[in-house]
Amino acid sequence: MIDKIIAEVKKFDGILRKKDIKIVGEILKDSFLSENVVIGIGDDAGVIRGEKGEDFLLLACDGIHPLLVKNEPYAAGKASVMVNVNDIYAMGGVPVGIVNVISYNREENLKAILEGMRKASVKYRVPILGGHLHPDAECDEISVAILGKGEKILSSYGANSGDDVIIAVDLKGKKGCKSVNSWDSTSGKDSKLLLTQLSVLNKIANEQLASACKDVSMGGIIGTLGMLLESSKKGAEIDLNLIPCPQDMELLEWLKCFLSYGFLLTSPPQKTKIILNLFKERDIESTAIGRVNESRKVDISYNGEKGTLFDFKKDYIACL
């Protein structure tokens, strides 16, 4: 089974689509950077140092998978807000506002996209401040940019050898969109509950409990963890049996799932219990699933079998 998991994850589109980030990094590495830039290309959001002790500013941007926009424009509109909100919280911030660019060829698709955005804007309490329209486009497309702010910052570059690897996920949900493999744990929840669950990341950041964090998006659970470890120039041993999984979903499908609420963190072992208790207080399932090391390999085990999923000395996901 472990060989099948490794083979399936390695050819997973959600991971393969990250390869060209290497090109972005190579070409833009010499672009202008001001002295206020704390984190640039490669993390869930860029970070700019605030003036005179003010909060850090966070900037992120996401485009939505073409299949989702084409087949489910309303869901794509909701997702365009959600993924950006998650990026900001993953780095310890709070959303301030979003702008968007929408390309469309039918008015009904534009209306569906905007209605999805409106619904998510209300749920996540984040204002839509404007954007740009491309009518009569060859295909429908959505990109959303978000501004956030934060007192302390989490990043995907901070994992340390010896850290515990923690997953936090809301299992109270259902299979999501038909166009992409996803898990929807936000529909039916009110804003107060959702924001209470997300704000735990602010507490973790401000109290400096975690060394690294990344939200689980198109790369799935293991792909996202791989990107975090690649960014930190570390490896890890992961026990797949420890990953919380919905009863009605096979593990392999779950590992490749886009999660509407899912975060991977690393923390010093002495702080792990504190983090787990914070998630538990908010009715979020969380557990330690492995440990960070210096190997630059992601070694996984399942039902007694072991194998190497990623070896960053030989290959890369996004070359961060």
C-alpha atoms as a PDB file:
ATOM      1  CA  MET A   1       0.000   0.000   0.000  1.00  0.00           C
ATOM      2  CA  ILE A   2       2.816   2.433   0.814  1.00  0.00           C
ATOM      3  CA  ASP A   3       4.181   2.152  -2.739  1.00  0.00           C
ATOM      4  CA  LYS A   4       0.736   2.952  -4.150  1.00  0.00           C
ATOM      5  CA  ILE A   5       0.403   5.997  -1.896  1.00  0.00           C
ATOM      6  CA  ILE A   6       3.830   7.289  -2.942  1.00  0.00           C
ATOM      7  CA  ALA A   7       3.129   6.736  -6.645  1.00  0.00           C
ATOM      8  CA  GLU A   8      -0.295   8.398  -6.505  1.00  0.00           C
ATOM      9  CA  VAL A   9       0.889  11.417  -4.537  1.00  0.00           C
ATOM     10  CA  LYS A  10       3.910  11.957  -6.807  1.00  0.00           C
ATOM     11  CA  LYS A  11       1.693  12.192  -9.898  1.00  0.00           C
ATOM     12  CA  PHE A  12      -1.005  14.261  -8.167  1.00  0.00           C
ATOM     13  CA  ASP A  13      -1.889  17.341 -10.211  1.00  0.00           C
ATOM     14  CA  GLY A  14      -2.171  19.489  -7.093  1.00  0.00           C
ATOM     15  CA  ILE A  15       1.558  18.959  -6.516  1.00  0.00           C
ATOM     16  CA  LEU A  16       2.779  18.916 -10.116  1.00  0.00           C
ATOM     17  CA  ARG A  17       1.183  22.316 -10.739  1.00  0.00           C
ATOM     18  CA  LYS A  18       3.652  23.829  -8.231  1.00  0.00           C
ATOM     19  CA  LYS A  19       6.750  23.032 -10.327  1.00  0.00           C
ATOM     20  CA  ASP A  20       6.785  26.286 -12.284  1.00  0.00           C
ATOM     21  CA  ILE A  21       7.106  28.324  -9.108  1.00  0.00           C
ATOM     22  CA  LYS A  22      10.805  27.622  -9.648  1.00  0.00           C
ATOM     23  CA  ILE A  23      10.686  29.767 -12.809  1.00  0.00           C
ATOM     24  CA  VAL A  24       9.037  32.603 -10.903  1.00  0.00           C
ATOM     25  CA  GLY A  25      11.717  32.501  -8.239  1.00  0.00           C
ATOM     26  CA  GLU A  26      14.570  32.411 -10.758  1.00  0.00           C
ATOM     27  CA  ILE A  27      13.351  35.382 -12.789  1.00  0.00           C
ATOM     28  CA  LEU A  28      12.088  37.574  -9.955  1.00  0.00           C
ATOM     29  CA  LYS A  29      14.888  36.943  -7.461  1.00  0.00           C
ATOM     30  CA  ASP A  30      16.579  40.162  -8.553  1.00  0.00           C
ATOM     31  CA  SER A  31      13.423  42.285  -8.569  1.00  0.00           C
ATOM     32  CA  PHE A  32      13.342  45.283  -6.255  1.00  0.00           C
ATOM     33  CA  LEU A  33      12.982  44.577  -2.538  1.00  0.00           C
ATOM     34  CA  SER A  34      12.614  47.373  -0.019  1.00  0.00           C
ATOM     35  CA  GLU A  35      14.117  47.145   3.446  1.00  0.00           C
ATOM     36  CA  ASN A  36      10.605  46.686   4.825  1.00  0.00           C
ATOM     37  CA  VAL A  37      10.051  43.340   3.073  1.00  0.00           C
ATOM     38  CA  VAL A  38      10.197  40.580   5.688  1.00  0.00           C
ATOM     39  CA  ILE A  39       9.002  37.642   3.553  1.00  0.00           C
ATOM     40  CA  GLY A  40       8.853  37.682  -0.236  1.00  0.00           C
ATOM     41  CA  ILE A  41       8.015  35.083  -2.879  1.00  0.00           C
ATOM     42  CA  GLY A  42       7.278  31.548  -1.722  1.00  0.00           C
ATOM     43  CA  ASP A  43       5.098  31.703   1.377  1.00  0.00           C
ATOM     44  CA  ASP A  44       1.316  31.837   1.747  1.00  0.00           C
ATOM     45  CA  ALA A  45       1.610  35.629   1.817  1.00  0.00           C
ATOM     46  CA  GLY A  46       4.258  38.279   1.449  1.00  0.00           C
ATOM     47  CA  VAL A  47       5.005  40.227   4.625  1.00  0.00           C
ATOM     48  CA  ILE A  48       5.900  43.903   4.955  1.00  0.00           C
ATOM     49  CA  ARG A  49       7.146  45.429   8.187  1.00  0.00           C
ATOM     50  CA  GLY A  50       4.750  48.006   9.635  1.00  0.00           C
ATOM     51  CA  GLU A  51       5.852  51.574  10.280  1.00  0.00           C
ATOM     52  CA  LYS A  52       6.859  52.634  13.807  1.00  0.00           C
ATOM     53  CA  GLY A  53       5.930  49.394  15.522  1.00  0.00           C
ATOM     54  CA  GLU A  54       2.591  48.954  13.760  1.00  0.00           C
ATOM     55  CA  ASP A  55       1.289  45.528  12.712  1.00  0.00           C
ATOM     56  CA  PHE A  56       2.900  43.623   9.868  1.00  0.00           C
ATOM     57  CA  LEU A  57       1.077  43.873   6.540  1.00  0.00           C
ATOM     58  CA  LEU A  58       0.400  40.639   4.652  1.00  0.00           C
ATOM     59  CA  LEU A  59      -0.351  40.407   0.918  1.00  0.00           C
ATOM     60  CA  ALA A  60      -1.534  37.276  -0.867  1.00  0.00           C
ATOM     61  CA  CYS A  61      -3.102  36.403  -4.198  1.00  0.00           C
ATOM     62  CA  ASP A  62      -4.749  33.228  -5.490  1.00  0.00           C
ATOM     63  CA  GLY A  63      -6.210  32.131  -8.792  1.00  0.00           C
ATOM     64  CA  ILE A  64      -8.918  29.470  -8.822  1.00  0.00           C
ATOM     65  CA  HIS A  65      -8.531  26.147 -10.641  1.00  0.00           C
ATOM     66  CA  PRO A  66      -9.920  26.509 -14.201  1.00  0.00           C
ATOM     67  CA  LEU A  67     -12.102  23.395 -13.906  1.00  0.00           C
ATOM     68  CA  LEU A  68     -13.848  24.738 -10.823  1.00  0.00           C
ATOM     69  CA  VAL A  69     -14.472  28.127 -12.448  1.00  0.00           C
ATOM     70  CA  LYS A  70     -15.793  26.484 -15.608  1.00  0.00           C
ATOM     71  CA  ASN A  71     -18.059  23.894 -13.993  1.00  0.00           C
ATOM     72  CA  GLU A  72     -19.083  25.501 -10.684  1.00  0.00           C
ATOM     73  CA  PRO A  73     -18.762  29.304 -10.893  1.00  0.00           C
ATOM     74  CA  TYR A  74     -20.696  29.957  -7.672  1.00  0.00           C
ATOM     75  CA  ALA A  75     -18.468  27.563  -5.705  1.00  0.00           C
ATOM     76  CA  ALA A  76     -15.425  29.089  -7.392  1.00  0.00           C
ATOM     77  CA  GLY A  77     -16.485  32.537  -6.200  1.00  0.00           C
ATOM     78  CA  LYS A  78     -16.781  31.303  -2.612  1.00  0.00           C
ATOM     79  CA  ALA A  79     -13.471  29.472  -2.839  1.00  0.00           C
ATOM     80  CA  SER A  80     -11.664  32.552  -4.160  1.00  0.00           C
ATOM     81  CA  VAL A  81     -12.371  34.348  -0.888  1.00  0.00           C
ATOM     82  CA  MET A  82     -11.845  31.322   1.358  1.00  0.00           C
ATOM     83  CA  VAL A  83      -8.394  30.391   0.063  1.00  0.00           C
ATOM     84  CA  ASN A  84      -7.101  33.913   0.519  1.00  0.00           C
ATOM     85  CA  VAL A  85      -8.564  34.206   4.010  1.00  0.00           C
ATOM     86  CA  ASN A  86      -6.903  30.911   4.968  1.00  0.00           C
ATOM     87  CA  ASP A  87      -3.550  32.143   3.635  1.00  0.00           C
ATOM     88  CA  ILE A  88      -3.692  35.173   5.918  1.00  0.00           C
ATOM     89  CA  TYR A  89      -4.717  33.222   9.024  1.00  0.00           C
ATOM     90  CA  ALA A  90      -2.058  30.559   8.292  1.00  0.00           C
ATOM     91  CA  MET A  91       0.558  33.274   8.718  1.00  0.00           C
ATOM     92  CA  GLY A  92      -0.939  34.608  11.926  1.00  0.00           C
ATOM     93  CA  GLY A  93      -2.770  37.532  10.367  1.00  0.00           C
ATOM     94  CA  VAL A  94      -6.315  38.863  10.150  1.00  0.00           C
ATOM     95  CA  PRO A  95      -7.895  39.772   6.778  1.00  0.00           C
ATOM     96  CA  VAL A  96      -8.446  43.479   6.050  1.00  0.00           C
ATOM     97  CA  GLY A  97      -9.943  43.452   2.545  1.00  0.00           C
ATOM     98  CA  ILE A  98      -9.834  41.855  -0.903  1.00  0.00           C
ATOM     99  CA  VAL A  99      -9.857  42.888  -4.558  1.00  0.00           C
ATOM    100  CA  ASN A 100     -10.463  40.682  -7.577  1.00  0.00           C
ATOM    101  CA  VAL A 101     -10.014  40.204 -11.309  1.00  0.00           C
ATOM    102  CA  ILE A 102     -12.785  38.291 -13.105  1.00  0.00           C
ATOM    103  CA  SER A 103     -12.778  37.166 -16.744  1.00  0.00           C
ATOM    104  CA  TYR A 104     -16.054  35.841 -18.149  1.00  0.00           C
ATOM    105  CA  ASN A 105     -17.912  35.190 -21.382  1.00  0.00           C
ATOM    106  CA  ARG A 106     -21.477  34.962 -20.084  1.00  0.00           C
ATOM    107  CA  GLU A 107     -23.247  37.335 -17.738  1.00  0.00           C
ATOM    108  CA  GLU A 108     -24.845  34.470 -15.826  1.00  0.00           C
ATOM    109  CA  ASN A 109     -21.389  33.122 -14.968  1.00  0.00           C
ATOM    110  CA  LEU A 110     -20.270  36.539 -13.733  1.00  0.00           C
ATOM    111  CA  LYS A 111     -23.353  36.771 -11.524  1.00  0.00           C
ATOM    112  CA  ALA A 112     -22.745  33.282 -10.097  1.00  0.00           C
ATOM    113  CA  ILE A 113     -19.101  34.090  -9.329  1.00  0.00           C
ATOM    114  CA  LEU A 114     -20.009  37.374  -7.660  1.00  0.00           C
ATOM    115  CA  GLU A 115     -22.781  35.776  -5.616  1.00  0.00           C
ATOM    116  CA  GLY A 116     -20.293  33.189  -4.332  1.00  0.00           C
ATOM    117  CA  MET A 117     -17.861  35.945  -3.426  1.00  0.00           C
ATOM    118  CA  ARG A 118     -20.610  37.915  -1.682  1.00  0.00           C
ATOM    119  CA  LYS A 119     -21.623  34.880   0.375  1.00  0.00           C
ATOM    120  CA  ALA A 120     -18.041  34.205   1.466  1.00  0.00           C
ATOM    121  CA  SER A 121     -17.396  37.888   2.158  1.00  0.00           C
ATOM    122  CA  VAL A 122     -20.276  37.945   4.635  1.00  0.00           C
ATOM    123  CA  LYS A 123     -19.291  34.641   6.242  1.00  0.00           C
ATOM    124  CA  TYR A 124     -15.615  35.546   6.693  1.00  0.00           C
ATOM    125  CA  ARG A 125     -16.385  39.213   7.494  1.00  0.00           C
ATOM    126  CA  VAL A 126     -13.919  40.479   4.900  1.00  0.00           C
ATOM    127  CA  PRO A 127     -14.903  43.404   2.636  1.00  0.00           C
ATOM    128  CA  ILE A 128     -14.643  43.250  -1.151  1.00  0.00           C
ATOM    129  CA  LEU A 129     -13.080  46.599  -2.038  1.00  0.00           C
ATOM    130  CA  GLY A 130     -13.094  46.507  -5.830  1.00  0.00           C
ATOM    131  CA  GLY A 131     -11.418  44.848  -8.771  1.00  0.00           C
ATOM    132  CA  HIS A 132     -11.412  44.545 -12.546  1.00  0.00           C
ATOM    133  CA  LEU A 133     -13.640  42.849 -15.135  1.00  0.00           C
ATOM    134  CA  HIS A 134     -12.677  41.260 -18.463  1.00  0.00           C
ATOM    135  CA  PRO A 135     -15.961  40.699 -20.380  1.00  0.00           C
ATOM    136  CA  ASP A 136     -16.142  38.597 -23.560  1.00  0.00           C
ATOM    137  CA  ALA A 137     -13.148  36.536 -22.454  1.00  0.00           C
ATOM    138  CA  GLU A 138     -12.324  33.197 -24.054  1.00  0.00           C
ATOM    139  CA  CYS A 139     -12.838  31.466 -20.708  1.00  0.00           C
ATOM    140  CA  ASP A 140     -13.933  32.283 -17.173  1.00  0.00           C
ATOM    141  CA  GLU A 141     -11.151  33.054 -14.692  1.00  0.00           C
ATOM    142  CA  ILE A 142     -10.939  34.377 -11.137  1.00  0.00           C
ATOM    143  CA  SER A 143      -8.000  35.837  -9.246  1.00  0.00           C
ATOM    144  CA  VAL A 144      -8.307  37.450  -5.826  1.00  0.00           C
ATOM    145  CA  ALA A 145      -5.752  39.432  -3.828  1.00  0.00           C
ATOM    146  CA  ILE A 146      -6.025  40.040  -0.099  1.00  0.00           C
ATOM    147  CA  LEU A 147      -4.509  42.408   2.440  1.00  0.00           C
ATOM    148  CA  GLY A 148      -4.072  41.291   6.033  1.00  0.00           C
ATOM    149  CA  LYS A 149      -2.339  42.487   9.174  1.00  0.00           C
ATOM    150  CA  GLY A 150      -0.747  40.703  12.116  1.00  0.00           C
ATOM    151  CA  GLU A 151       1.147  41.317  15.348  1.00  0.00           C
ATOM    152  CA  LYS A 152       3.379  38.236  15.037  1.00  0.00           C
ATOM    153  CA  ILE A 153       4.012  36.188  11.910  1.00  0.00           C
ATOM    154  CA  LEU A 154       4.025  32.465  11.193  1.00  0.00           C
ATOM    155  CA  SER A 155       5.757  31.249   8.037  1.00  0.00           C
ATOM    156  CA  SER A 156       6.488  28.018   6.212  1.00  0.00           C
ATOM    157  CA  TYR A 157      10.241  28.654   6.507  1.00  0.00           C
ATOM    158  CA  GLY A 158      10.569  28.184  10.248  1.00  0.00           C
ATOM    159  CA  ALA A 159      10.407  24.429  10.930  1.00  0.00           C
ATOM    160  CA  ASN A 160      13.233  23.213  13.168  1.00  0.00           C
ATOM    161  CA  SER A 161      14.755  19.780  13.565  1.00  0.00           C
ATOM    162  CA  GLY A 162      13.075  18.038  16.495  1.00  0.00           C
ATOM    163  CA  ASP A 163       9.774  19.883  16.054  1.00  0.00           C
ATOM    164  CA  ASP A 164       6.540  17.919  16.159  1.00  0.00           C
ATOM    165  CA  VAL A 165       4.459  17.980  12.978  1.00  0.00           C
ATOM    166  CA  ILE A 166       0.842  18.825  13.814  1.00  0.00           C
ATOM    167  CA  ILE A 167      -2.241  18.623  11.637  1.00  0.00           C
ATOM    168  CA  ALA A 168      -5.421  20.507  12.548  1.00  0.00           C
ATOM    169  CA  VAL A 169      -8.574  19.774  10.560  1.00  0.00           C
ATOM    170  CA  ASP A 170     -12.317  20.194  10.929  1.00  0.00           C
ATOM    171  CA  LEU A 171     -13.835  16.754  10.285  1.00  0.00           C
ATOM    172  CA  LYS A 172     -17.381  18.043  10.724  1.00  0.00           C
ATOM    173  CA  GLY A 173     -18.054  18.494   7.035  1.00  0.00           C
ATOM    174  CA  LYS A 174     -18.727  16.739   3.748  1.00  0.00           C
ATOM    175  CA  LYS A 175     -17.206  16.197   0.339  1.00  0.00           C
ATOM    176  CA  GLY A 176     -17.143  19.525  -1.440  1.00  0.00           C
ATOM    177  CA  CYS A 177     -17.016  20.621  -5.066  1.00  0.00           C
ATOM    178  CA  LYS A 178     -17.340  18.054  -7.839  1.00  0.00           C
ATOM    179  CA  SER A 179     -14.632  19.604 -10.027  1.00  0.00           C
ATOM    180  CA  VAL A 180     -11.802  19.303  -7.486  1.00  0.00           C
ATOM    181  CA  ASN A 181     -11.251  16.847  -4.645  1.00  0.00           C
ATOM    182  CA  SER A 182     -12.234  18.881  -1.597  1.00  0.00           C
ATOM    183  CA  TRP A 183     -13.645  18.757   1.930  1.00  0.00           C
ATOM    184  CA  ASP A 184     -16.217  21.393   2.898  1.00  0.00           C
ATOM    185  CA  SER A 185     -16.396  22.081   6.628  1.00  0.00           C
ATOM    186  CA  THR A 186     -17.577  25.698   6.393  1.00  0.00           C
ATOM    187  CA  SER A 187     -21.018  25.452   4.765  1.00  0.00           C
ATOM    188  CA  GLY A 188     -23.753  25.741   7.371  1.00  0.00           C
ATOM    189  CA  LYS A 189     -21.490  27.401   9.940  1.00  0.00           C
ATOM    190  CA  ASP A 190     -22.109  30.949  11.082  1.00  0.00           C
ATOM    191  CA  SER A 191     -19.431  33.625  11.034  1.00  0.00           C
ATOM    192  CA  LYS A 192     -18.912  33.658  14.786  1.00  0.00           C
ATOM    193  CA  LEU A 193     -18.002  29.967  14.964  1.00  0.00           C
ATOM    194  CA  LEU A 194     -15.876  30.028  11.827  1.00  0.00           C
ATOM    195  CA  LEU A 195     -13.872  33.069  12.886  1.00  0.00           C
ATOM    196  CA  THR A 196     -13.446  31.675  16.398  1.00  0.00           C
ATOM    197  CA  GLN A 197     -11.923  28.551  14.878  1.00  0.00           C
ATOM    198  CA  LEU A 198      -9.665  30.527  12.553  1.00  0.00           C
ATOM    199  CA  SER A 199      -8.536  32.984  15.228  1.00  0.00           C
ATOM    200  CA  VAL A 200      -6.717  30.196  17.059  1.00  0.00           C
ATOM    201  CA  LEU A 201      -3.935  30.759  14.514  1.00  0.00           C
ATOM    202  CA  ASN A 202      -3.605  34.359  15.727  1.00  0.00           C
ATOM    203  CA  LYS A 203      -3.191  33.151  19.310  1.00  0.00           C
ATOM    204  CA  ILE A 204      -0.634  30.533  18.253  1.00  0.00           C
ATOM    205  CA  ALA A 205       1.320  33.179  16.339  1.00  0.00           C
ATOM    206  CA  ASN A 206       1.132  35.909  18.978  1.00  0.00           C
ATOM    207  CA  GLU A 207       2.200  33.547  21.761  1.00  0.00           C
ATOM    208  CA  GLN A 208       4.933  32.094  19.500  1.00  0.00           C
ATOM    209  CA  LEU A 209       3.848  28.515  20.071  1.00  0.00           C
ATOM    210  CA  ALA A 210       4.582  27.206  16.560  1.00  0.00           C
ATOM    211  CA  SER A 211       7.728  27.478  14.467  1.00  0.00           C
ATOM    212  CA  ALA A 212       5.989  27.077  11.082  1.00  0.00           C
ATOM    213  CA  CYS A 213       2.507  26.878   9.596  1.00  0.00           C
ATOM    214  CA  LYS A 214       0.842  26.377   6.215  1.00  0.00           C
ATOM    215  CA  ASP A 215      -2.789  25.893   5.212  1.00  0.00           C
ATOM    216  CA  VAL A 216      -3.788  22.727   3.342  1.00  0.00           C
ATOM    217  CA  SER A 217      -4.863  23.752  -0.143  1.00  0.00           C
ATOM    218  CA  MET A 218      -4.468  22.301  -3.653  1.00  0.00           C
ATOM    219  CA  GLY A 219      -1.366  20.297  -2.727  1.00  0.00           C
ATOM    220  CA  GLY A 220      -3.369  18.201  -0.269  1.00  0.00           C
ATOM    221  CA  ILE A 221      -2.142  17.202   3.176  1.00  0.00           C
ATOM    222  CA  ILE A 222       1.138  15.551   2.244  1.00  0.00           C
ATOM    223  CA  GLY A 223       1.897  17.878  -0.672  1.00  0.00           C
ATOM    224  CA  THR A 224       1.411  20.923   1.551  1.00  0.00           C
ATOM    225  CA  LEU A 225       3.603  19.388   4.242  1.00  0.00           C
ATOM    226  CA  GLY A 226       6.230  18.702   1.588  1.00  0.00           C
ATOM    227  CA  MET A 227       6.216  22.367   0.558  1.00  0.00           C
ATOM    228  CA  LEU A 228       6.572  23.490   4.180  1.00  0.00           C
ATOM    229  CA  LEU A 229       9.536  21.188   4.735  1.00  0.00           C
ATOM    230  CA  GLU A 230      11.091  22.135   1.399  1.00  0.00           C
ATOM    231  CA  SER A 231      10.843  25.820   2.346  1.00  0.00           C
ATOM    232  CA  SER A 232      12.428  25.111   5.738  1.00  0.00           C
ATOM    233  CA  LYS A 233      15.144  22.923   4.172  1.00  0.00           C
ATOM    234  CA  LYS A 234      14.176  20.084   6.485  1.00  0.00           C
ATOM    235  CA  GLY A 235      12.739  16.573   6.326  1.00  0.00           C
ATOM    236  CA  ALA A 236      10.361  14.583   8.506  1.00  0.00           C
ATOM    237  CA  GLU A 237       9.128  11.144   9.449  1.00  0.00           C
ATOM    238  CA  ILE A 238       5.335  10.977   9.184  1.00  0.00           C
ATOM    239  CA  ASP A 239       2.975   8.235  10.376  1.00  0.00           C
ATOM    240  CA  LEU A 240      -0.040   8.293   8.054  1.00  0.00           C
ATOM    241  CA  ASN A 241      -2.026   6.186  10.530  1.00  0.00           C
ATOM    242  CA  LEU A 242      -2.117   9.185  12.869  1.00  0.00           C
ATOM    243  CA  ILE A 243      -3.764  11.553  10.375  1.00  0.00           C
ATOM    244  CA  PRO A 244      -7.433  12.186  11.304  1.00  0.00           C
ATOM    245  CA  CYS A 245      -9.630  11.076   8.400  1.00  0.00           C
ATOM    246  CA  PRO A 246     -13.407  11.177   7.747  1.00  0.00           C
ATOM    247  CA  GLN A 247     -15.039   7.772   8.111  1.00  0.00           C
ATOM    248  CA  ASP A 248     -16.516   7.844   4.611  1.00  0.00           C
ATOM    249  CA  MET A 249     -13.275   8.661   2.777  1.00  0.00           C
ATOM    250  CA  GLU A 250     -10.299   6.495   1.819  1.00  0.00           C
ATOM    251  CA  LEU A 251      -6.924   7.668   3.125  1.00  0.00           C
ATOM    252  CA  LEU A 252      -5.398   8.188  -0.330  1.00  0.00           C
ATOM    253  CA  GLU A 253      -8.296  10.387  -1.418  1.00  0.00           C
ATOM    254  CA  TRP A 254      -8.051  12.305   1.856  1.00  0.00           C
ATOM    255  CA  LEU A 255      -4.328  12.932   1.451  1.00  0.00           C
ATOM    256  CA  LYS A 256      -5.040  14.695  -1.858  1.00  0.00           C
ATOM    257  CA  CYS A 257      -7.998  16.703  -0.543  1.00  0.00           C
ATOM    258  CA  PHE A 258      -8.278  20.479  -0.590  1.00  0.00           C
ATOM    259  CA  LEU A 259      -9.447  21.378   2.934  1.00  0.00           C
ATOM    260  CA  SER A 260     -11.634  24.384   3.681  1.00  0.00           C
ATOM    261  CA  TYR A 261     -10.221  24.241   7.229  1.00  0.00           C
ATOM    262  CA  GLY A 262      -6.905  22.456   7.478  1.00  0.00           C
ATOM    263  CA  PHE A 263      -3.519  23.597   8.774  1.00  0.00           C
ATOM    264  CA  LEU A 264      -0.115  21.975   9.194  1.00  0.00           C
ATOM    265  CA  LEU A 265       2.139  23.310  11.919  1.00  0.00           C
ATOM    266  CA  THR A 266       5.470  22.450  13.463  1.00  0.00           C
ATOM    267  CA  SER A 267       6.236  23.168  17.091  1.00  0.00           C
ATOM    268  CA  PRO A 268       8.772  22.389  19.805  1.00  0.00           C
ATOM    269  CA  PRO A 269       7.521  19.251  21.632  1.00  0.00           C
ATOM    270  CA  GLN A 270       7.067  21.153  24.894  1.00  0.00           C
ATOM    271  CA  LYS A 271       4.523  23.439  23.194  1.00  0.00           C
ATOM    272  CA  THR A 272       2.613  20.779  21.260  1.00  0.00           C
ATOM    273  CA  LYS A 273       0.110  19.988  23.996  1.00  0.00           C
ATOM    274  CA  ILE A 274      -0.751  23.674  24.365  1.00  0.00           C
ATOM    275  CA  ILE A 275      -1.492  23.918  20.636  1.00  0.00           C
ATOM    276  CA  LEU A 276      -3.575  20.737  20.619  1.00  0.00           C
ATOM    277  CA  ASN A 277      -5.636  22.005  23.548  1.00  0.00           C
ATOM    278  CA  LEU A 278      -6.280  25.322  21.783  1.00  0.00           C
ATOM    279  CA  PHE A 279      -7.697  23.503  18.764  1.00  0.00           C
ATOM    280  CA  LYS A 280      -9.693  21.147  20.983  1.00  0.00           C
ATOM    281  CA  GLU A 281     -11.316  24.105  22.744  1.00  0.00           C
ATOM    282  CA  ARG A 282     -12.599  25.192  19.325  1.00  0.00           C
ATOM    283  CA  ASP A 283     -13.861  21.728  18.357  1.00  0.00           C
ATOM    284  CA  ILE A 284     -11.075  21.174  15.813  1.00  0.00           C
ATOM    285  CA  GLU A 285      -9.401  17.770  15.499  1.00  0.00           C
ATOM    286  CA  SER A 286      -5.633  18.016  15.860  1.00  0.00           C
ATOM    287  CA  THR A 287      -2.766  15.667  16.585  1.00  0.00           C
ATOM    288  CA  ALA A 288       0.978  15.237  16.161  1.00  0.00           C
ATOM    289  CA  ILE A 289       1.704  13.002  13.150  1.00  0.00           C
ATOM    290  CA  GLY A 290       5.493  13.012  13.008  1.00  0.00           C
ATOM    291  CA  ARG A 291       8.728  14.829  13.706  1.00  0.00           C
ATOM    292  CA  VAL A 292      10.967  17.180  11.737  1.00  0.00           C
ATOM    293  CA  ASN A 293      14.581  16.181  11.057  1.00  0.00           C
ATOM    294  CA  GLU A 294      17.609  17.296   9.031  1.00  0.00           C
ATOM    295  CA  SER A 295      17.318  14.612   6.324  1.00  0.00           C
ATOM    296  CA  ARG A 296      15.528  16.779   3.724  1.00  0.00           C
ATOM    297  CA  LYS A 297      13.436  13.683   3.022  1.00  0.00           C
ATOM    298  CA  VAL A 298       9.751  13.099   3.723  1.00  0.00           C
ATOM    299  CA  ASP A 299       9.623   9.502   4.955  1.00  0.00           C
ATOM    300  CA  ILE A 300       6.144   8.093   5.488  1.00  0.00           C
ATOM    301  CA  SER A 301       4.868   4.954   7.194  1.00  0.00           C
ATOM    302  CA  TYR A 302       1.492   3.225   6.995  1.00  0.00           C
ATOM    303  CA  ASN A 303       0.410  -0.034   8.623  1.00  0.00           C
ATOM    304  CA  GLY A 304       4.023  -1.014   9.269  1.00  0.00           C
ATOM    305  CA  GLU A 305       5.271  -0.220   5.749  1.00  0.00           C
ATOM    306  CA  LYS A 306       7.769   2.579   5.151  1.00  0.00           C
ATOM    307  CA  GLY A 307       8.924   4.575   2.149  1.00  0.00           C
ATOM    308  CA  THR A 308      10.372   7.906   1.016  1.00  0.00           C
ATOM    309  CA  LEU A 309       7.854  10.231  -0.602  1.00  0.00           C
ATOM    310  CA  PHE A 310      10.072  13.250  -1.313  1.00  0.00           C
ATOM    311  CA  ASP A 311      13.856  13.605  -1.339  1.00  0.00           C
ATOM    312  CA  PHE A 312      14.668  17.288  -1.643  1.00  0.00           C
ATOM    313  CA  LYS A 313      18.339  16.563  -2.252  1.00  0.00           C
ATOM    314  CA  LYS A 314      17.303  15.098  -5.622  1.00  0.00           C
ATOM    315  CA  ASP A 315      13.964  16.666  -6.537  1.00  0.00           C
ATOM    316  CA  TYR A 316      11.698  19.568  -5.702  1.00  0.00           C
ATOM    317  CA  ILE A 317       8.033  20.521  -5.423  1.00  0.00           C
ATOM    318  CA  ALA A 318       8.298  24.276  -5.891  1.00  0.00           C
ATOM    319  CA  CYS A 319      12.057  24.816  -5.381  1.00  0.00           C
ATOM    320  CA  LEU A 320      11.375  27.351  -2.639  1.00  0.00           C
END
